[in-house]
N, C-alpha and C. Protein backbone atom coordinates (compact mmCIF):
# COMPACT_ATOMS: atom_id res chain seq x y z
N MET A 1 3.40 -3.03 10.93
CA MET A 1 1.93 -2.97 10.94
C MET A 1 1.55 -2.31 9.52
N GLY A 2 0.40 -2.86 9.11
CA GLY A 2 -0.08 -2.30 7.77
C GLY A 2 -1.52 -1.80 8.07
N LEU A 3 -1.95 -1.10 7.01
CA LEU A 3 -3.33 -0.46 6.96
C LEU A 3 -4.13 -1.25 5.97
N GLN A 4 -5.37 -1.64 6.47
CA GLN A 4 -6.32 -2.46 5.62
C GLN A 4 -7.32 -1.29 5.15
N MET A 5 -7.64 -1.28 3.84
CA MET A 5 -8.63 -0.43 3.42
C MET A 5 -9.60 -1.30 2.43
N ASP A 6 -10.78 -0.77 2.24
CA ASP A 6 -11.74 -1.58 1.60
C ASP A 6 -11.98 -1.37 0.14
N ASN A 7 -10.94 -0.63 -0.52
CA ASN A 7 -10.86 -0.24 -1.92
C ASN A 7 -12.08 0.57 -2.43
N ASP A 8 -12.64 1.35 -1.41
CA ASP A 8 -13.57 2.39 -1.74
C ASP A 8 -12.85 3.43 -2.57
N PRO A 9 -13.52 3.94 -3.64
CA PRO A 9 -12.80 4.89 -4.49
C PRO A 9 -12.07 6.03 -3.86
N LYS A 10 -12.77 6.52 -2.73
CA LYS A 10 -12.11 7.65 -1.93
C LYS A 10 -10.81 7.12 -1.31
N HIS A 11 -10.63 5.99 -1.02
CA HIS A 11 -9.28 5.55 -0.48
C HIS A 11 -8.30 5.20 -1.64
N THR A 12 -8.76 5.13 -2.81
CA THR A 12 -7.77 4.71 -3.81
C THR A 12 -7.51 5.86 -4.76
N SER A 13 -7.87 7.16 -4.36
CA SER A 13 -7.63 8.28 -5.25
C SER A 13 -6.12 8.58 -5.29
N LYS A 14 -5.70 9.32 -6.30
CA LYS A 14 -4.20 9.61 -6.48
C LYS A 14 -3.61 10.39 -5.24
N VAL A 15 -4.43 11.27 -4.62
CA VAL A 15 -3.92 12.28 -3.61
C VAL A 15 -3.78 11.14 -2.37
N VAL A 16 -4.62 10.30 -2.05
CA VAL A 16 -4.49 9.33 -0.93
C VAL A 16 -3.41 8.41 -1.25
N ALA A 17 -3.25 7.83 -2.48
CA ALA A 17 -2.20 6.93 -2.72
C ALA A 17 -0.76 7.69 -2.49
N LYS A 18 -0.83 8.83 -3.07
CA LYS A 18 0.55 9.69 -2.93
C LYS A 18 0.89 9.76 -1.41
N TRP A 19 -0.05 10.18 -0.58
CA TRP A 19 0.13 10.43 0.80
C TRP A 19 0.64 9.21 1.43
N LEU A 20 0.04 8.10 1.23
CA LEU A 20 0.45 6.77 1.68
C LEU A 20 1.82 6.47 1.42
N LYS A 21 2.11 6.72 0.13
CA LYS A 21 3.41 6.37 -0.30
C LYS A 21 4.51 7.20 0.31
N ASP A 22 4.15 8.57 0.27
CA ASP A 22 5.13 9.51 0.76
C ASP A 22 5.30 9.36 2.28
N ASN A 23 4.35 8.85 3.05
CA ASN A 23 4.57 8.68 4.39
C ASN A 23 4.91 7.33 4.78
N LYS A 24 5.10 6.44 3.81
CA LYS A 24 5.67 4.87 3.92
C LYS A 24 4.61 4.11 4.65
N VAL A 25 3.37 4.32 4.34
CA VAL A 25 2.41 3.47 5.08
C VAL A 25 2.22 2.16 4.30
N LYS A 26 2.41 1.07 4.92
CA LYS A 26 2.11 -0.19 4.16
C LYS A 26 0.52 -0.41 4.11
N VAL A 27 0.12 -0.78 2.92
CA VAL A 27 -1.30 -0.94 2.76
C VAL A 27 -1.40 -2.47 2.30
N LEU A 28 -2.26 -3.24 3.02
CA LEU A 28 -2.50 -4.72 2.75
C LEU A 28 -3.43 -4.79 1.54
N GLU A 29 -3.11 -5.68 0.70
CA GLU A 29 -3.96 -5.97 -0.39
C GLU A 29 -5.30 -6.61 0.11
N TRP A 30 -6.37 -6.08 -0.40
CA TRP A 30 -7.70 -6.46 0.05
C TRP A 30 -8.66 -6.56 -0.94
N PRO A 31 -9.44 -7.56 -1.21
CA PRO A 31 -10.47 -7.76 -2.20
C PRO A 31 -11.55 -6.60 -1.98
N SER A 32 -11.91 -5.93 -3.16
CA SER A 32 -13.05 -5.03 -2.87
C SER A 32 -14.39 -5.77 -2.70
N GLN A 33 -15.30 -5.11 -2.07
CA GLN A 33 -16.70 -5.75 -1.84
C GLN A 33 -16.67 -7.07 -1.11
N SER A 34 -15.79 -7.03 0.01
CA SER A 34 -15.62 -8.39 0.74
C SER A 34 -16.03 -8.19 2.20
N PRO A 35 -17.25 -7.99 2.49
CA PRO A 35 -17.56 -7.86 3.87
C PRO A 35 -17.30 -9.09 4.72
N ASP A 36 -17.30 -10.21 4.14
CA ASP A 36 -16.94 -11.44 4.73
C ASP A 36 -15.70 -11.43 5.52
N LEU A 37 -14.68 -10.63 4.85
CA LEU A 37 -13.45 -10.46 5.55
C LEU A 37 -13.19 -9.39 6.41
N ASN A 38 -14.34 -8.58 6.74
CA ASN A 38 -14.14 -7.53 7.54
C ASN A 38 -15.14 -7.73 8.79
N PRO A 39 -14.69 -8.10 9.87
CA PRO A 39 -15.52 -8.52 10.98
C PRO A 39 -16.51 -7.43 11.45
N ILE A 40 -16.13 -6.23 11.39
CA ILE A 40 -17.08 -5.17 11.72
C ILE A 40 -18.30 -5.00 10.82
N GLU A 41 -18.13 -5.33 9.53
CA GLU A 41 -19.33 -5.36 8.53
C GLU A 41 -20.27 -6.38 9.09
N ASN A 42 -19.70 -7.64 9.42
CA ASN A 42 -20.65 -8.74 9.90
C ASN A 42 -21.33 -8.34 11.23
N VAL A 43 -20.70 -7.56 12.07
CA VAL A 43 -21.13 -7.06 13.28
C VAL A 43 -22.36 -6.09 12.96
N TRP A 44 -22.18 -5.14 11.86
CA TRP A 44 -23.20 -4.23 11.47
C TRP A 44 -24.43 -4.95 10.95
N ALA A 45 -24.18 -6.01 10.33
CA ALA A 45 -25.28 -6.85 9.74
C ALA A 45 -26.08 -7.52 10.89
N GLU A 46 -25.48 -7.95 11.91
CA GLU A 46 -26.23 -8.51 13.13
C GLU A 46 -26.99 -7.28 13.68
N VAL A 47 -26.37 -6.04 13.92
CA VAL A 47 -27.13 -5.03 14.55
C VAL A 47 -28.39 -4.75 13.59
N LYS A 48 -28.17 -4.54 12.31
CA LYS A 48 -29.32 -4.29 11.39
C LYS A 48 -30.40 -5.35 11.62
N LYS A 49 -30.00 -6.59 11.68
CA LYS A 49 -31.05 -7.72 11.81
C LYS A 49 -31.79 -7.65 13.17
N HIS A 50 -31.04 -7.09 14.22
CA HIS A 50 -31.68 -7.01 15.50
C HIS A 50 -32.73 -5.83 15.43
N VAL A 51 -32.33 -4.82 14.85
CA VAL A 51 -33.23 -3.65 14.68
C VAL A 51 -34.40 -3.92 13.85
N ARG A 52 -34.28 -4.51 12.74
CA ARG A 52 -35.39 -4.88 11.81
C ARG A 52 -36.36 -5.86 12.45
N ALA A 53 -35.81 -6.83 13.29
CA ALA A 53 -36.68 -7.73 13.90
C ALA A 53 -37.61 -7.12 14.95
N ARG A 54 -37.25 -5.93 15.46
CA ARG A 54 -38.10 -5.31 16.60
C ARG A 54 -38.90 -4.20 15.98
N ARG A 55 -38.57 -3.63 14.76
CA ARG A 55 -39.34 -2.65 14.06
C ARG A 55 -39.59 -1.39 14.87
N PRO A 56 -38.69 -0.74 15.25
CA PRO A 56 -38.94 0.66 16.05
C PRO A 56 -39.60 1.60 15.14
N THR A 57 -40.51 2.32 15.73
CA THR A 57 -41.20 3.34 14.92
C THR A 57 -40.78 4.79 15.20
N ASN A 58 -39.97 4.96 16.27
CA ASN A 58 -39.54 6.31 16.57
C ASN A 58 -38.05 6.36 17.16
N LEU A 59 -37.61 7.35 17.37
CA LEU A 59 -36.18 7.52 17.97
C LEU A 59 -36.05 7.03 19.30
N THR A 60 -37.09 7.12 20.08
CA THR A 60 -37.02 6.65 21.58
C THR A 60 -36.94 5.27 21.50
N GLN A 61 -37.71 4.42 20.66
CA GLN A 61 -37.65 3.01 20.59
C GLN A 61 -36.36 2.58 20.12
N LEU A 62 -35.81 3.26 19.09
CA LEU A 62 -34.57 3.04 18.45
C LEU A 62 -33.50 3.07 19.56
N HIS A 63 -33.53 4.11 20.43
CA HIS A 63 -32.59 4.31 21.37
C HIS A 63 -32.58 3.24 22.51
N LEU A 64 -33.81 2.91 22.83
CA LEU A 64 -34.10 1.65 23.87
C LEU A 64 -33.31 0.37 23.25
N LEU A 65 -33.49 0.22 22.04
CA LEU A 65 -32.72 -1.01 21.48
C LEU A 65 -31.36 -0.91 21.53
N SER A 66 -30.77 0.23 21.17
CA SER A 66 -29.38 0.47 21.25
C SER A 66 -28.72 0.12 22.52
N GLY A 67 -29.53 0.41 23.70
CA GLY A 67 -28.91 0.10 25.09
C GLY A 67 -28.86 -1.34 25.25
N GLY A 68 -29.81 -2.18 24.56
CA GLY A 68 -29.66 -3.61 24.82
C GLY A 68 -28.65 -4.22 23.85
N MET A 69 -28.41 -3.54 22.75
CA MET A 69 -27.30 -3.94 21.80
C MET A 69 -25.94 -3.68 22.41
N GLY A 70 -25.82 -2.62 23.12
CA GLY A 70 -24.53 -2.18 23.68
C GLY A 70 -23.92 -3.18 24.53
N GLN A 71 -24.85 -3.84 25.33
CA GLN A 71 -24.29 -4.91 26.30
C GLN A 71 -23.86 -6.01 25.48
N ASN A 72 -24.25 -6.36 24.19
CA ASN A 72 -23.83 -7.43 23.37
C ASN A 72 -22.74 -7.15 22.48
N SER A 73 -22.40 -5.93 22.24
CA SER A 73 -21.40 -5.48 21.26
C SER A 73 -20.14 -6.23 21.37
N PRO A 74 -19.45 -6.21 22.55
CA PRO A 74 -18.19 -6.84 22.56
C PRO A 74 -18.24 -8.36 22.22
N ASN A 75 -19.47 -8.97 22.63
CA ASN A 75 -19.53 -10.48 22.24
C ASN A 75 -19.72 -10.56 20.75
N LEU A 76 -20.57 -9.73 20.00
CA LEU A 76 -20.65 -9.76 18.71
C LEU A 76 -19.44 -9.65 17.91
N LEU A 77 -18.63 -8.75 18.34
CA LEU A 77 -17.38 -8.55 17.62
C LEU A 77 -16.36 -9.76 17.89
N TRP A 78 -16.36 -10.25 19.14
CA TRP A 78 -15.54 -11.29 19.33
C TRP A 78 -15.92 -12.53 18.57
N GLU A 79 -17.23 -12.80 18.46
CA GLU A 79 -17.65 -13.93 17.67
C GLU A 79 -17.41 -13.74 16.26
N ALA A 80 -17.52 -12.56 15.82
CA ALA A 80 -17.33 -12.24 14.32
C ALA A 80 -15.87 -12.58 13.96
N CYS A 81 -15.02 -12.14 14.94
CA CYS A 81 -13.38 -12.37 14.81
C CYS A 81 -13.11 -13.90 14.90
N GLY A 82 -14.02 -14.56 15.85
CA GLY A 82 -13.63 -15.90 15.99
C GLY A 82 -13.98 -16.84 14.72
N ARG A 83 -14.89 -16.23 13.97
CA ARG A 83 -15.43 -17.02 12.69
C ARG A 83 -14.50 -16.69 11.49
N LEU A 84 -13.44 -15.74 11.72
CA LEU A 84 -12.68 -15.49 10.63
C LEU A 84 -11.79 -16.56 10.00
N PRO A 85 -11.19 -17.53 10.74
CA PRO A 85 -10.51 -18.70 10.13
C PRO A 85 -11.49 -19.41 9.16
N GLN A 86 -12.63 -19.77 9.67
CA GLN A 86 -13.63 -20.39 8.81
C GLN A 86 -14.08 -19.75 7.65
N THR A 87 -14.22 -18.40 7.83
CA THR A 87 -14.65 -17.49 6.68
C THR A 87 -13.45 -17.41 5.63
N LEU A 88 -12.31 -17.33 6.06
CA LEU A 88 -11.18 -17.29 5.14
C LEU A 88 -11.12 -18.51 4.32
N THR A 89 -11.43 -19.62 4.93
CA THR A 89 -11.50 -20.92 4.15
C THR A 89 -12.67 -20.94 3.21
N GLN A 90 -13.75 -20.42 3.53
CA GLN A 90 -14.87 -20.27 2.71
C GLN A 90 -14.51 -19.41 1.54
N VAL A 91 -14.02 -18.22 1.73
CA VAL A 91 -13.62 -17.35 0.68
C VAL A 91 -12.74 -17.93 -0.27
N LYS A 92 -11.77 -18.67 0.28
CA LYS A 92 -10.83 -19.37 -0.73
C LYS A 92 -11.55 -20.40 -1.57
N GLN A 93 -12.46 -21.24 -0.95
CA GLN A 93 -13.22 -22.15 -1.70
C GLN A 93 -14.07 -21.52 -2.71
N PHE A 94 -14.63 -20.50 -2.47
CA PHE A 94 -15.47 -19.72 -3.41
C PHE A 94 -14.73 -18.63 -4.32
N LYS A 95 -13.37 -18.81 -4.30
CA LYS A 95 -12.52 -18.09 -5.18
C LYS A 95 -12.70 -16.53 -4.99
N GLY A 96 -12.84 -16.11 -3.72
CA GLY A 96 -12.95 -14.69 -3.44
C GLY A 96 -14.39 -14.14 -3.53
N ASN A 97 -15.35 -14.93 -3.98
CA ASN A 97 -16.75 -14.49 -3.88
C ASN A 97 -17.25 -14.48 -2.59
N SER A 98 -18.42 -13.78 -2.37
CA SER A 98 -19.10 -13.57 -1.13
C SER A 98 -19.55 -15.01 -0.59
N THR A 99 -19.60 -15.05 0.68
CA THR A 99 -19.97 -16.32 1.37
C THR A 99 -21.01 -15.81 2.39
N LYS A 100 -21.78 -16.81 2.83
CA LYS A 100 -22.70 -16.53 3.94
C LYS A 100 -22.14 -17.31 5.18
N TYR A 101 -22.24 -16.57 6.43
CA TYR A 101 -21.62 -17.25 7.57
C TYR A 101 -22.71 -17.86 8.53
């Protein structure tokens, strides 16, 4: 099994790199800034779109929205994962640049 990281600077620090090496953690190569390849980032984008469309003006309204999203969350993640083969093909076509799904 390997660890996937997003190349955020805090993950690539010398201290973290040493710890990973010392503990023999296999790290998968991963392009930086590639939300297309990270299904949870695509799920977050859907959640943000859902919230923006309803324009909550207070925490109570936001909380009510989150209840409705909670019912759909497993489906959103499942769908995002299901698009991964197509997304990988697009990323390859665009030579690693961002795609729209």
